[in-house]
Amino acid sequence: MAYHNELGRWGESAAVTYLEDQGYHILARNFSFQKAEIDIIASIEKTLVIVEVKTRNSAFFGNPQEFVTSSKIKLLVKAANEYVISNQLNVDVRFDIIAIIKNKQQEELTHYQDAFYHF
């Protein structure tokens, strides 16, 4: 497996651990709908939290969160809508980004709550 794939899997696992430590309940990982995939679906209190995890080994080409494009946001919203409808949920939905930089010198995780709005 390519290093970037391993780093991405490590980042998602680190994000799950972080969220659980913060009191989130993990509902699903890698939820797919059509061409969209949600890395983590979690809940806290009465809010469904859709989490996109971006892991990089440096910020040389930009911070990890900057790689969540408008087309990616559209796909996330589409998949989140399907998850809510298929599970017949009546909850508030929030979109978060967890940005991780991990290399030999640095391991930094930043959680951006309400990172973008879906309307």
PDB file of N, CA and C in Angstrom:
ATOM      1  N   MET A   1       0.854  -1.184   0.000  1.00  0.00           N
ATOM      2  CA  MET A   1       0.000   0.000   0.000  1.00  0.00           C
ATOM      3  C   MET A   1       0.893   1.239   0.000  1.00  0.00           C
ATOM      4  N   ALA A   2       0.492   2.232  -0.758  1.00  0.00           N
ATOM      5  CA  ALA A   2       1.263   3.465  -0.870  1.00  0.00           C
ATOM      6  C   ALA A   2       1.283   4.201   0.467  1.00  0.00           C
ATOM      7  N   TYR A   3       2.371   4.931   0.686  1.00  0.00           N
ATOM      8  CA  TYR A   3       2.537   5.656   1.944  1.00  0.00           C
ATOM      9  C   TYR A   3       1.389   6.616   2.212  1.00  0.00           C
ATOM     10  N   HIS A   4       0.934   7.345   1.175  1.00  0.00           N
ATOM     11  CA  HIS A   4      -0.138   8.317   1.402  1.00  0.00           C
ATOM     12  C   HIS A   4      -1.431   7.620   1.821  1.00  0.00           C
ATOM     13  N   ASN A   5      -1.667   6.404   1.326  1.00  0.00           N
ATOM     14  CA  ASN A   5      -2.851   5.649   1.765  1.00  0.00           C
ATOM     15  C   ASN A   5      -2.719   5.227   3.225  1.00  0.00           C
ATOM     16  N   GLU A   6      -1.532   4.785   3.596  1.00  0.00           N
ATOM     17  CA  GLU A   6      -1.283   4.409   4.995  1.00  0.00           C
ATOM     18  C   GLU A   6      -1.431   5.609   5.912  1.00  0.00           C
ATOM     19  N   LEU A   7      -0.902   6.747   5.482  1.00  0.00           N
ATOM     20  CA  LEU A   7      -1.002   7.972   6.275  1.00  0.00           C
ATOM     21  C   LEU A   7      -2.465   8.387   6.428  1.00  0.00           C
ATOM     22  N   GLY A   8      -3.234   8.260   5.366  1.00  0.00           N
ATOM     23  CA  GLY A   8      -4.656   8.592   5.425  1.00  0.00           C
ATOM     24  C   GLY A   8      -5.411   7.689   6.388  1.00  0.00           C
ATOM     25  N   ARG A   9      -5.140   6.403   6.343  1.00  0.00           N
ATOM     26  CA  ARG A   9      -5.795   5.462   7.276  1.00  0.00           C
ATOM     27  C   ARG A   9      -5.388   5.764   8.717  1.00  0.00           C
ATOM     28  N   TRP A  10      -4.098   6.053   8.916  1.00  0.00           N
ATOM     29  CA  TRP A  10      -3.632   6.401  10.254  1.00  0.00           C
ATOM     30  C   TRP A  10      -4.360   7.656  10.738  1.00  0.00           C
ATOM     31  N   GLY A  11      -4.495   8.656   9.867  1.00  0.00           N
ATOM     32  CA  GLY A  11      -5.155   9.899  10.228  1.00  0.00           C
ATOM     33  C   GLY A  11      -6.605   9.686  10.629  1.00  0.00           C
ATOM     34  N   GLU A  12      -7.322   8.851   9.888  1.00  0.00           N
ATOM     35  CA  GLU A  12      -8.714   8.568  10.232  1.00  0.00           C
ATOM     36  C   GLU A  12      -8.819   7.867  11.585  1.00  0.00           C
ATOM     37  N   SER A  13      -7.923   6.938  11.846  1.00  0.00           N
ATOM     38  CA  SER A  13      -7.922   6.261  13.150  1.00  0.00           C
ATOM     39  C   SER A  13      -7.595   7.237  14.277  1.00  0.00           C
ATOM     40  N   ALA A  14      -6.636   8.123  14.048  1.00  0.00           N
ATOM     41  CA  ALA A  14      -6.289   9.136  15.053  1.00  0.00           C
ATOM     42  C   ALA A  14      -7.474  10.064  15.297  1.00  0.00           C
ATOM     43  N   ALA A  15      -8.190  10.408  14.242  1.00  0.00           N
ATOM     44  CA  ALA A  15      -9.358  11.288  14.377  1.00  0.00           C
ATOM     45  C   ALA A  15     -10.459  10.604  15.179  1.00  0.00           C
ATOM     46  N   VAL A  16     -10.680   9.315  14.936  1.00  0.00           N
ATOM     47  CA  VAL A  16     -11.689   8.562  15.702  1.00  0.00           C
ATOM     48  C   VAL A  16     -11.326   8.550  17.180  1.00  0.00           C
ATOM     49  N   THR A  17     -10.073   8.274  17.486  1.00  0.00           N
ATOM     50  CA  THR A  17      -9.617   8.251  18.877  1.00  0.00           C
ATOM     51  C   THR A  17      -9.824   9.614  19.525  1.00  0.00           C
ATOM     52  N   TYR A  18      -9.454  10.666  18.812  1.00  0.00           N
ATOM     53  CA  TYR A  18      -9.628  12.030  19.319  1.00  0.00           C
ATOM     54  C   TYR A  18     -11.105  12.315  19.599  1.00  0.00           C
ATOM     55  N   LEU A  19     -11.969  12.010  18.638  1.00  0.00           N
ATOM     56  CA  LEU A  19     -13.395  12.289  18.803  1.00  0.00           C
ATOM     57  C   LEU A  19     -13.981  11.515  19.984  1.00  0.00           C
ATOM     58  N   GLU A  20     -13.631  10.250  20.100  1.00  0.00           N
ATOM     59  CA  GLU A  20     -14.125   9.457  21.229  1.00  0.00           C
ATOM     60  C   GLU A  20     -13.651  10.039  22.556  1.00  0.00           C
ATOM     61  N   ASP A  21     -12.411  10.485  22.603  1.00  0.00           N
ATOM     62  CA  ASP A  21     -11.884  11.111  23.821  1.00  0.00           C
ATOM     63  C   ASP A  21     -12.624  12.406  24.163  1.00  0.00           C
ATOM     64  N   GLN A  22     -13.194  13.052  23.145  1.00  0.00           N
ATOM     65  CA  GLN A  22     -13.941  14.296  23.352  1.00  0.00           C
ATOM     66  C   GLN A  22     -15.419  14.042  23.648  1.00  0.00           C
ATOM     67  N   GLY A  23     -15.833  12.782  23.708  1.00  0.00           N
ATOM     68  CA  GLY A  23     -17.210  12.453  24.045  1.00  0.00           C
ATOM     69  C   GLY A  23     -18.125  12.183  22.868  1.00  0.00           C
ATOM     70  N   TYR A  24     -17.591  12.122  21.660  1.00  0.00           N
ATOM     71  CA  TYR A  24     -18.392  11.805  20.482  1.00  0.00           C
ATOM     72  C   TYR A  24     -18.652  10.304  20.422  1.00  0.00           C
ATOM     73  N   HIS A  25     -19.789   9.940  19.866  1.00  0.00           N
ATOM     74  CA  HIS A  25     -20.128   8.542  19.615  1.00  0.00           C
ATOM     75  C   HIS A  25     -19.965   8.310  18.114  1.00  0.00           C
ATOM     76  N   ILE A  26     -19.118   7.370  17.732  1.00  0.00           N
ATOM     77  CA  ILE A  26     -18.868   7.091  16.313  1.00  0.00           C
ATOM     78  C   ILE A  26     -19.983   6.198  15.791  1.00  0.00           C
ATOM     79  N   LEU A  27     -20.678   6.667  14.755  1.00  0.00           N
ATOM     80  CA  LEU A  27     -21.791   5.919  14.167  1.00  0.00           C
ATOM     81  C   LEU A  27     -21.366   5.131  12.931  1.00  0.00           C
ATOM     82  N   ALA A  28     -20.458   5.690  12.147  1.00  0.00           N
ATOM     83  CA  ALA A  28     -20.015   5.018  10.922  1.00  0.00           C
ATOM     84  C   ALA A  28     -18.674   5.579  10.483  1.00  0.00           C
ATOM     85  N   ARG A  29     -17.948   4.736   9.761  1.00  0.00           N
ATOM     86  CA  ARG A  29     -16.695   5.150   9.131  1.00  0.00           C
ATOM     87  C   ARG A  29     -16.772   4.791   7.661  1.00  0.00           C
ATOM     88  N   ASN A  30     -16.253   5.665   6.827  1.00  0.00           N
ATOM     89  CA  ASN A  30     -16.187   5.438   5.385  1.00  0.00           C
ATOM     90  C   ASN A  30     -17.552   5.102   4.781  1.00  0.00           C
ATOM     91  N   PHE A  31     -18.546   5.902   5.149  1.00  0.00           N
ATOM     92  CA  PHE A  31     -19.886   5.746   4.594  1.00  0.00           C
ATOM     93  C   PHE A  31     -19.886   6.236   3.149  1.00  0.00           C
ATOM     94  N   SER A  32     -20.327   5.389   2.229  1.00  0.00           N
ATOM     95  CA  SER A  32     -20.323   5.737   0.810  1.00  0.00           C
ATOM     96  C   SER A  32     -21.735   5.843   0.262  1.00  0.00           C
ATOM     97  N   PHE A  33     -21.918   6.805  -0.614  1.00  0.00           N
ATOM     98  CA  PHE A  33     -23.151   6.947  -1.367  1.00  0.00           C
ATOM     99  C   PHE A  33     -22.784   7.501  -2.734  1.00  0.00           C
ATOM    100  N   GLN A  34     -23.086   6.725  -3.768  1.00  0.00           N
ATOM    101  CA  GLN A  34     -22.707   7.056  -5.134  1.00  0.00           C
ATOM    102  C   GLN A  34     -21.213   7.365  -5.184  1.00  0.00           C
ATOM    103  N   LYS A  35     -20.814   8.576  -5.572  1.00  0.00           N
ATOM    104  CA  LYS A  35     -19.384   8.897  -5.676  1.00  0.00           C
ATOM    105  C   LYS A  35     -18.838   9.574  -4.426  1.00  0.00           C
ATOM    106  N   ALA A  36     -19.657   9.672  -3.392  1.00  0.00           N
ATOM    107  CA  ALA A  36     -19.267  10.397  -2.181  1.00  0.00           C
ATOM    108  C   ALA A  36     -18.894   9.435  -1.069  1.00  0.00           C
ATOM    109  N   GLU A  37     -17.945   9.856  -0.258  1.00  0.00           N
ATOM    110  CA  GLU A  37     -17.593   9.080   0.934  1.00  0.00           C
ATOM    111  C   GLU A  37     -17.398  10.032   2.102  1.00  0.00           C
ATOM    112  N   ILE A  38     -18.013   9.671   3.221  1.00  0.00           N
ATOM    113  CA  ILE A  38     -17.838  10.423   4.460  1.00  0.00           C
ATOM    114  C   ILE A  38     -16.857   9.630   5.310  1.00  0.00           C
ATOM    115  N   ASP A  39     -15.777  10.285   5.751  1.00  0.00           N
ATOM    116  CA  ASP A  39     -14.765   9.594   6.547  1.00  0.00           C
ATOM    117  C   ASP A  39     -15.338   9.103   7.868  1.00  0.00           C
ATOM    118  N   ILE A  40     -15.991   9.992   8.615  1.00  0.00           N
ATOM    119  CA  ILE A  40     -16.517   9.650   9.939  1.00  0.00           C
ATOM    120  C   ILE A  40     -17.885  10.302  10.112  1.00  0.00           C
ATOM    121  N   ILE A  41     -18.837   9.524  10.596  1.00  0.00           N
ATOM    122  CA  ILE A  41     -20.125  10.064  11.018  1.00  0.00           C
ATOM    123  C   ILE A  41     -20.202   9.824  12.523  1.00  0.00           C
ATOM    124  N   ALA A  42     -20.394  10.894  13.265  1.00  0.00           N
ATOM    125  CA  ALA A  42     -20.411  10.819  14.722  1.00  0.00           C
ATOM    126  C   ALA A  42     -21.607  11.593  15.252  1.00  0.00           C
ATOM    127  N   SER A  43     -21.848  11.415  16.533  1.00  0.00           N
ATOM    128  CA  SER A  43     -22.898  12.218  17.171  1.00  0.00           C
ATOM    129  C   SER A  43     -22.389  12.704  18.519  1.00  0.00           C
ATOM    130  N   ILE A  44     -22.885  13.864  18.886  1.00  0.00           N
ATOM    131  CA  ILE A  44     -22.629  14.409  20.210  1.00  0.00           C
ATOM    132  C   ILE A  44     -23.869  15.206  20.580  1.00  0.00           C
ATOM    133  N   GLU A  45     -24.341  14.950  21.771  1.00  0.00           N
ATOM    134  CA  GLU A  45     -25.608  15.522  22.212  1.00  0.00           C
ATOM    135  C   GLU A  45     -26.664  15.169  21.167  1.00  0.00           C
ATOM    136  N   LYS A  46     -27.332  16.125  20.580  1.00  0.00           N
ATOM    137  CA  LYS A  46     -28.367  15.822  19.585  1.00  0.00           C
ATOM    138  C   LYS A  46     -27.950  16.254  18.188  1.00  0.00           C
ATOM    139  N   THR A  47     -26.656  16.250  17.938  1.00  0.00           N
ATOM    140  CA  THR A  47     -26.131  16.709  16.654  1.00  0.00           C
ATOM    141  C   THR A  47     -25.412  15.578  15.936  1.00  0.00           C
ATOM    142  N   LEU A  48     -25.738  15.415  14.657  1.00  0.00           N
ATOM    143  CA  LEU A  48     -25.027  14.492  13.793  1.00  0.00           C
ATOM    144  C   LEU A  48     -23.843  15.257  13.210  1.00  0.00           C
ATOM    145  N   VAL A  49     -22.666  14.705  13.337  1.00  0.00           N
ATOM    146  CA  VAL A  49     -21.451  15.399  12.899  1.00  0.00           C
ATOM    147  C   VAL A  49     -20.811  14.616  11.758  1.00  0.00           C
ATOM    148  N   ILE A  50     -20.708  15.270  10.621  1.00  0.00           N
ATOM    149  CA  ILE A  50     -20.068  14.702   9.441  1.00  0.00           C
ATOM    150  C   ILE A  50     -18.633  15.216   9.442  1.00  0.00           C
ATOM    151  N   VAL A  51     -17.676  14.283   9.487  1.00  0.00           N
ATOM    152  CA  VAL A  51     -16.274  14.684   9.649  1.00  0.00           C
ATOM    153  C   VAL A  51     -15.456  14.271   8.432  1.00  0.00           C
ATOM    154  N   GLU A  52     -14.804  15.242   7.832  1.00  0.00           N
ATOM    155  CA  GLU A  52     -13.847  15.004   6.771  1.00  0.00           C
ATOM    156  C   GLU A  52     -12.451  15.096   7.390  1.00  0.00           C
ATOM    157  N   VAL A  53     -11.651  14.058   7.203  1.00  0.00           N
ATOM    158  CA  VAL A  53     -10.301  14.016   7.765  1.00  0.00           C
ATOM    159  C   VAL A  53      -9.302  14.239   6.641  1.00  0.00           C
ATOM    160  N   LYS A  54      -8.417  15.184   6.836  1.00  0.00           N
ATOM    161  CA  LYS A  54      -7.347  15.447   5.881  1.00  0.00           C
ATOM    162  C   LYS A  54      -6.018  15.322   6.605  1.00  0.00           C
ATOM    163  N   THR A  55      -5.198  14.388   6.142  1.00  0.00           N
ATOM    164  CA  THR A  55      -3.905  14.133   6.767  1.00  0.00           C
ATOM    165  C   THR A  55      -2.805  14.382   5.739  1.00  0.00           C
ATOM    166  N   ARG A  56      -1.821  15.133   6.124  1.00  0.00           N
ATOM    167  CA  ARG A  56      -0.676  15.427   5.264  1.00  0.00           C
ATOM    168  C   ARG A  56       0.601  15.275   6.086  1.00  0.00           C
ATOM    169  N   ASN A  57       1.727  15.098   5.377  1.00  0.00           N
ATOM    170  CA  ASN A  57       2.992  14.997   6.104  1.00  0.00           C
ATOM    171  C   ASN A  57       3.691  16.342   6.226  1.00  0.00           C
ATOM    172  N   SER A  58       3.139  17.377   5.574  1.00  0.00           N
ATOM    173  CA  SER A  58       3.647  18.733   5.766  1.00  0.00           C
ATOM    174  C   SER A  58       2.599  19.717   5.259  1.00  0.00           C
ATOM    175  N   ALA A  59       2.814  20.975   5.590  1.00  0.00           N
ATOM    176  CA  ALA A  59       1.922  22.030   5.104  1.00  0.00           C
ATOM    177  C   ALA A  59       2.587  22.806   3.974  1.00  0.00           C
ATOM    178  N   PHE A  60       3.621  22.225   3.385  1.00  0.00           N
ATOM    179  CA  PHE A  60       4.382  22.910   2.344  1.00  0.00           C
ATOM    180  C   PHE A  60       3.505  23.372   1.180  1.00  0.00           C
ATOM    181  N   PHE A  61       2.577  22.516   0.751  1.00  0.00           N
ATOM    182  CA  PHE A  61       1.695  22.851  -0.369  1.00  0.00           C
ATOM    183  C   PHE A  61       0.364  23.432   0.091  1.00  0.00           C
ATOM    184  N   GLY A  62       0.202  23.647   1.383  1.00  0.00           N
ATOM    185  CA  GLY A  62      -1.030  24.189   1.939  1.00  0.00           C
ATOM    186  C   GLY A  62      -1.472  23.374   3.138  1.00  0.00           C
ATOM    187  N   ASN A  63      -2.255  23.993   3.987  1.00  0.00           N
ATOM    188  CA  ASN A  63      -2.766  23.298   5.160  1.00  0.00           C
ATOM    189  C   ASN A  63      -3.761  22.229   4.741  1.00  0.00           C
ATOM    190  N   PRO A  64      -3.835  21.128   5.487  1.00  0.00           N
ATOM    191  CA  PRO A  64      -4.719  20.023   5.093  1.00  0.00           C
ATOM    192  C   PRO A  64      -6.163  20.455   4.839  1.00  0.00           C
ATOM    193  N   GLN A  65      -6.716  21.309   5.679  1.00  0.00           N
ATOM    194  CA  GLN A  65      -8.115  21.713   5.540  1.00  0.00           C
ATOM    195  C   GLN A  65      -8.383  22.469   4.244  1.00  0.00           C
ATOM    196  N   GLU A  66      -7.343  23.044   3.651  1.00  0.00           N
ATOM    197  CA  GLU A  66      -7.511  23.780   2.403  1.00  0.00           C
ATOM    198  C   GLU A  66      -7.799  22.864   1.216  1.00  0.00           C
ATOM    199  N   PHE A  67      -7.642  21.563   1.406  1.00  0.00           N
ATOM    200  CA  PHE A  67      -7.875  20.610   0.331  1.00  0.00           C
ATOM    201  C   PHE A  67      -9.313  20.093   0.298  1.00  0.00           C
ATOM    202  N   VAL A  68     -10.167  20.647   1.135  1.00  0.00           N
ATOM    203  CA  VAL A  68     -11.591  20.327   1.076  1.00  0.00           C
ATOM    204  C   VAL A  68     -12.215  21.327   0.110  1.00  0.00           C
ATOM    205  N   THR A  69     -12.409  20.881  -1.113  1.00  0.00           N
ATOM    206  CA  THR A  69     -12.867  21.744  -2.191  1.00  0.00           C
ATOM    207  C   THR A  69     -14.389  21.884  -2.199  1.00  0.00           C
ATOM    208  N   SER A  70     -14.883  22.806  -2.988  1.00  0.00           N
ATOM    209  CA  SER A  70     -16.331  22.990  -3.085  1.00  0.00           C
ATOM    210  C   SER A  70     -17.000  21.750  -3.678  1.00  0.00           C
ATOM    211  N   SER A  71     -16.342  21.080  -4.605  1.00  0.00           N
ATOM    212  CA  SER A  71     -16.923  19.851  -5.157  1.00  0.00           C
ATOM    213  C   SER A  71     -16.954  18.750  -4.106  1.00  0.00           C
ATOM    214  N   LYS A  72     -15.947  18.689  -3.244  1.00  0.00           N
ATOM    215  CA  LYS A  72     -15.939  17.708  -2.149  1.00  0.00           C
ATOM    216  C   LYS A  72     -17.057  18.027  -1.163  1.00  0.00           C
ATOM    217  N   ILE A  73     -17.271  19.292  -0.880  1.00  0.00           N
ATOM    218  CA  ILE A  73     -18.344  19.701   0.030  1.00  0.00           C
ATOM    219  C   ILE A  73     -19.697  19.262  -0.526  1.00  0.00           C
ATOM    220  N   LYS A  74     -19.923  19.453  -1.814  1.00  0.00           N
ATOM    221  CA  LYS A  74     -21.183  19.034  -2.435  1.00  0.00           C
ATOM    222  C   LYS A  74     -21.392  17.524  -2.268  1.00  0.00           C
ATOM    223  N   LEU A  75     -20.337  16.746  -2.470  1.00  0.00           N
ATOM    224  CA  LEU A  75     -20.445  15.296  -2.311  1.00  0.00           C
ATOM    225  C   LEU A  75     -20.729  14.916  -0.861  1.00  0.00           C
ATOM    226  N   LEU A  76     -20.069  15.588   0.082  1.00  0.00           N
ATOM    227  CA  LEU A  76     -20.304  15.313   1.495  1.00  0.00           C
ATOM    228  C   LEU A  76     -21.750  15.604   1.883  1.00  0.00           C
ATOM    229  N   VAL A  77     -22.274  16.717   1.399  1.00  0.00           N
ATOM    230  CA  VAL A  77     -23.651  17.089   1.705  1.00  0.00           C
ATOM    231  C   VAL A  77     -24.611  16.054   1.125  1.00  0.00           C
ATOM    232  N   LYS A  78     -24.351  15.615  -0.086  1.00  0.00           N
ATOM    233  CA  LYS A  78     -25.198  14.606  -0.735  1.00  0.00           C
ATOM    234  C   LYS A  78     -25.200  13.304   0.064  1.00  0.00           C
ATOM    235  N   ALA A  79     -24.025  12.847   0.471  1.00  0.00           N
ATOM    236  CA  ALA A  79     -23.926  11.608   1.245  1.00  0.00           C
ATOM    237  C   ALA A  79     -24.553  11.767   2.625  1.00  0.00           C
ATOM    238  N   ALA A  80     -24.356  12.911   3.250  1.00  0.00           N
ATOM    239  CA  ALA A  80     -24.954  13.158   4.569  1.00  0.00           C
ATOM    240  C   ALA A  80     -26.471  13.141   4.479  1.00  0.00           C
ATOM    241  N   ASN A  81     -27.007  13.747   3.430  1.00  0.00           N
ATOM    242  CA  ASN A  81     -28.449  13.761   3.219  1.00  0.00           C
ATOM    243  C   ASN A  81     -28.978  12.329   3.082  1.00  0.00           C
ATOM    244  N   GLU A  82     -28.283  11.511   2.335  1.00  0.00           N
ATOM    245  CA  GLU A  82     -28.692  10.112   2.180  1.00  0.00           C
ATOM    246  C   GLU A  82     -28.656   9.382   3.517  1.00  0.00           C
ATOM    247  N   TYR A  83     -27.618   9.609   4.305  1.00  0.00           N
ATOM    248  CA  TYR A  83     -27.507   8.949   5.616  1.00  0.00           C
ATOM    249  C   TYR A  83     -28.679   9.343   6.516  1.00  0.00           C
ATOM    250  N   VAL A  84     -29.000  10.612   6.541  1.00  0.00           N
ATOM    251  CA  VAL A  84     -30.101  11.106   7.386  1.00  0.00           C
ATOM    252  C   VAL A  84     -31.429  10.512   6.929  1.00  0.00           C
ATOM    253  N   ILE A  85     -31.669  10.531   5.626  1.00  0.00           N
ATOM    254  CA  ILE A  85     -32.941  10.014   5.103  1.00  0.00           C
ATOM    255  C   ILE A  85     -33.051   8.504   5.293  1.00  0.00           C
ATOM    256  N   SER A  86     -32.002   7.771   4.952  1.00  0.00           N
ATOM    257  CA  SER A  86     -32.069   6.310   5.041  1.00  0.00           C
ATOM    258  C   SER A  86     -32.178   5.814   6.475  1.00  0.00           C
ATOM    259  N   ASN A  87     -31.713   6.606   7.420  1.00  0.00           N
ATOM    260  CA  ASN A  87     -31.812   6.225   8.834  1.00  0.00           C
ATOM    261  C   ASN A  87     -32.969   6.930   9.542  1.00  0.00           C
ATOM    262  N   GLN A  88     -33.766   7.680   8.767  1.00  0.00           N
ATOM    263  CA  GLN A  88     -34.937   8.386   9.285  1.00  0.00           C
ATOM    264  C   GLN A  88     -34.609   9.201  10.537  1.00  0.00           C
ATOM    265  N   LEU A  89     -33.562  10.012  10.413  1.00  0.00           N
ATOM    266  CA  LEU A  89     -33.110  10.827  11.541  1.00  0.00           C
ATOM    267  C   LEU A  89     -33.732  12.214  11.496  1.00  0.00           C
ATOM    268  N   ASN A  90     -33.984  12.751  12.657  1.00  0.00           N
ATOM    269  CA  ASN A  90     -34.460  14.124  12.786  1.00  0.00           C
ATOM    270  C   ASN A  90     -33.498  14.838  13.733  1.00  0.00           C
ATOM    271  N   VAL A  91     -32.361  15.249  13.183  1.00  0.00           N
ATOM    272  CA  VAL A  91     -31.292  15.824  13.993  1.00  0.00           C
ATOM    273  C   VAL A  91     -30.683  17.028  13.280  1.00  0.00           C
ATOM    274  N   ASP A  92     -30.000  17.855  14.048  1.00  0.00           N
ATOM    275  CA  ASP A  92     -29.188  18.908  13.452  1.00  0.00           C
ATOM    276  C   ASP A  92     -27.942  18.250  12.869  1.00  0.00           C
ATOM    277  N   VAL A  93     -27.452  18.788  11.764  1.00  0.00           N
ATOM    278  CA  VAL A  93     -26.266  18.239  11.110  1.00  0.00           C
ATOM    279  C   VAL A  93     -25.191  19.321  11.075  1.00  0.00           C
ATOM    280  N   ARG A  94     -23.974  18.914  11.415  1.00  0.00           N
ATOM    281  CA  ARG A  94     -22.832  19.827  11.420  1.00  0.00           C
ATOM    282  C   ARG A  94     -21.714  19.189  10.603  1.00  0.00           C
ATOM    283  N   PHE A  95     -20.979  19.999   9.882  1.00  0.00           N
ATOM    284  CA  PHE A  95     -19.862  19.516   9.073  1.00  0.00           C
ATOM    285  C   PHE A  95     -18.549  20.009   9.679  1.00  0.00           C
ATOM    286  N   ASP A  96     -17.692  19.076  10.044  1.00  0.00           N
ATOM    287  CA  ASP A  96     -16.397  19.385  10.658  1.00  0.00           C
ATOM    288  C   ASP A  96     -15.265  18.893   9.766  1.00  0.00           C
ATOM    289  N   ILE A  97     -14.110  19.480   9.956  1.00  0.00           N
ATOM    290  CA  ILE A  97     -12.885  19.001   9.330  1.00  0.00           C
ATOM    291  C   ILE A  97     -11.874  18.740  10.440  1.00  0.00           C
ATOM    292  N   ILE A  98     -11.225  17.598  10.368  1.00  0.00           N
ATOM    293  CA  ILE A  98     -10.080  17.336  11.237  1.00  0.00           C
ATOM    294  C   ILE A  98      -8.854  17.332  10.338  1.00  0.00           C
ATOM    295  N   ALA A  99      -7.960  18.277  10.579  1.00  0.00           N
ATOM    296  CA  ALA A  99      -6.732  18.435   9.804  1.00  0.00           C
ATOM    297  C   ALA A  99      -5.568  17.907  10.636  1.00  0.00           C
ATOM    298  N   ILE A 100      -4.789  17.032  10.017  1.00  0.00           N
ATOM    299  CA  ILE A 100      -3.668  16.412  10.730  1.00  0.00           C
ATOM    300  C   ILE A 100      -2.397  16.581   9.902  1.00  0.00           C
ATOM    301  N   ILE A 101      -1.348  16.997  10.582  1.00  0.00           N
ATOM    302  CA  ILE A 101      -0.018  16.995   9.986  1.00  0.00           C
ATOM    303  C   ILE A 101       0.829  16.044  10.826  1.00  0.00           C
ATOM    304  N   LYS A 102       1.393  15.032  10.144  1.00  0.00           N
ATOM    305  CA  LYS A 102       2.209  14.041  10.856  1.00  0.00           C
ATOM    306  C   LYS A 102       3.458  13.740  10.042  1.00  0.00           C
ATOM    307  N   ASN A 103       4.587  13.954  10.706  1.00  0.00           N
ATOM    308  CA  ASN A 103       5.871  13.566  10.134  1.00  0.00           C
ATOM    309  C   ASN A 103       6.813  13.250  11.293  1.00  0.00           C
ATOM    310  N   LYS A 104       8.081  13.088  11.024  1.00  0.00           N
ATOM    311  CA  LYS A 104       9.025  12.714  12.089  1.00  0.00           C
ATOM    312  C   LYS A 104       9.169  13.784  13.164  1.00  0.00           C
ATOM    313  N   GLN A 105       8.992  15.043  12.801  1.00  0.00           N
ATOM    314  CA  GLN A 105       9.164  16.132  13.757  1.00  0.00           C
ATOM    315  C   GLN A 105       7.851  16.626  14.372  1.00  0.00           C
ATOM    316  N   GLN A 106       6.738  16.300  13.777  1.00  0.00           N
ATOM    317  CA  GLN A 106       5.491  16.945  14.165  1.00  0.00           C
ATOM    318  C   GLN A 106       4.318  15.982  14.068  1.00  0.00           C
ATOM    319  N   GLU A 107       3.434  16.102  15.031  1.00  0.00           N
ATOM    320  CA  GLU A 107       2.157  15.392  14.979  1.00  0.00           C
ATOM    321  C   GLU A 107       1.117  16.353  15.547  1.00  0.00           C
ATOM    322  N   GLU A 108       0.342  16.964  14.656  1.00  0.00           N
ATOM    323  CA  GLU A 108      -0.586  18.015  15.062  1.00  0.00           C
ATOM    324  C   GLU A 108      -1.980  17.730  14.510  1.00  0.00           C
ATOM    325  N   LEU A 109      -2.981  17.741  15.381  1.00  0.00           N
ATOM    326  CA  LEU A 109      -4.373  17.541  14.993  1.00  0.00           C
ATOM    327  C   LEU A 109      -5.162  18.793  15.351  1.00  0.00           C
ATOM    328  N   THR A 110      -5.900  19.324  14.378  1.00  0.00           N
ATOM    329  CA  THR A 110      -6.741  20.494  14.599  1.00  0.00           C
ATOM    330  C   THR A 110      -8.160  20.149  14.178  1.00  0.00           C
ATOM    331  N   HIS A 111      -9.118  20.421  15.071  1.00  0.00           N
ATOM    332  CA  HIS A 111     -10.530  20.119  14.826  1.00  0.00           C
ATOM    333  C   HIS A 111     -11.264  21.419  14.520  1.00  0.00           C
ATOM    334  N   TYR A 112     -11.781  21.521  13.309  1.00  0.00           N
ATOM    335  CA  TYR A 112     -12.560  22.686  12.896  1.00  0.00           C
ATOM    336  C   TYR A 112     -14.034  22.322  12.933  1.00  0.00           C
ATOM    337  N   GLN A 113     -14.738  22.815  13.946  1.00  0.00           N
ATOM    338  CA  GLN A 113     -16.180  22.576  14.056  1.00  0.00           C
ATOM    339  C   GLN A 113     -16.905  23.575  13.157  1.00  0.00           C
ATOM    340  N   ASP A 114     -18.028  23.128  12.604  1.00  0.00           N
ATOM    341  CA  ASP A 114     -18.789  23.984  11.677  1.00  0.00           C
ATOM    342  C   ASP A 114     -17.859  24.562  10.614  1.00  0.00           C
ATOM    343  N   ALA A 115     -17.081  23.696  10.004  1.00  0.00           N
ATOM    344  CA  ALA A 115     -16.060  24.129   9.043  1.00  0.00           C
ATOM    345  C   ALA A 115     -16.674  24.732   7.789  1.00  0.00           C
ATOM    346  N   PHE A 116     -17.848  24.264   7.423  1.00  0.00           N
ATOM    347  CA  PHE A 116     -18.560  24.842   6.281  1.00  0.00           C
ATOM    348  C   PHE A 116     -20.049  24.583   6.463  1.00  0.00           C
ATOM    349  N   TYR A 117     -20.822  25.353   5.730  1.00  0.00           N
ATOM    350  CA  TYR A 117     -22.273  25.229   5.802  1.00  0.00           C
ATOM    351  C   TYR A 117     -22.778  24.614   4.511  1.00  0.00           C
ATOM    352  N   HIS A 118     -23.855  23.889   4.607  1.00  0.00           N
ATOM    353  CA  HIS A 118     -24.338  23.104   3.474  1.00  0.00           C
ATOM    354  C   HIS A 118     -25.431  23.804   2.677  1.00  0.00           C
ATOM    355  N   PHE A 119     -25.611  25.091   2.843  1.00  0.00           N
ATOM    356  CA  PHE A 119     -26.629  25.787   2.058  1.00  0.00           C
ATOM    357  C   PHE A 119     -26.007  26.944   1.311  1.00  0.00           C
TER     358      PHE A 119
END
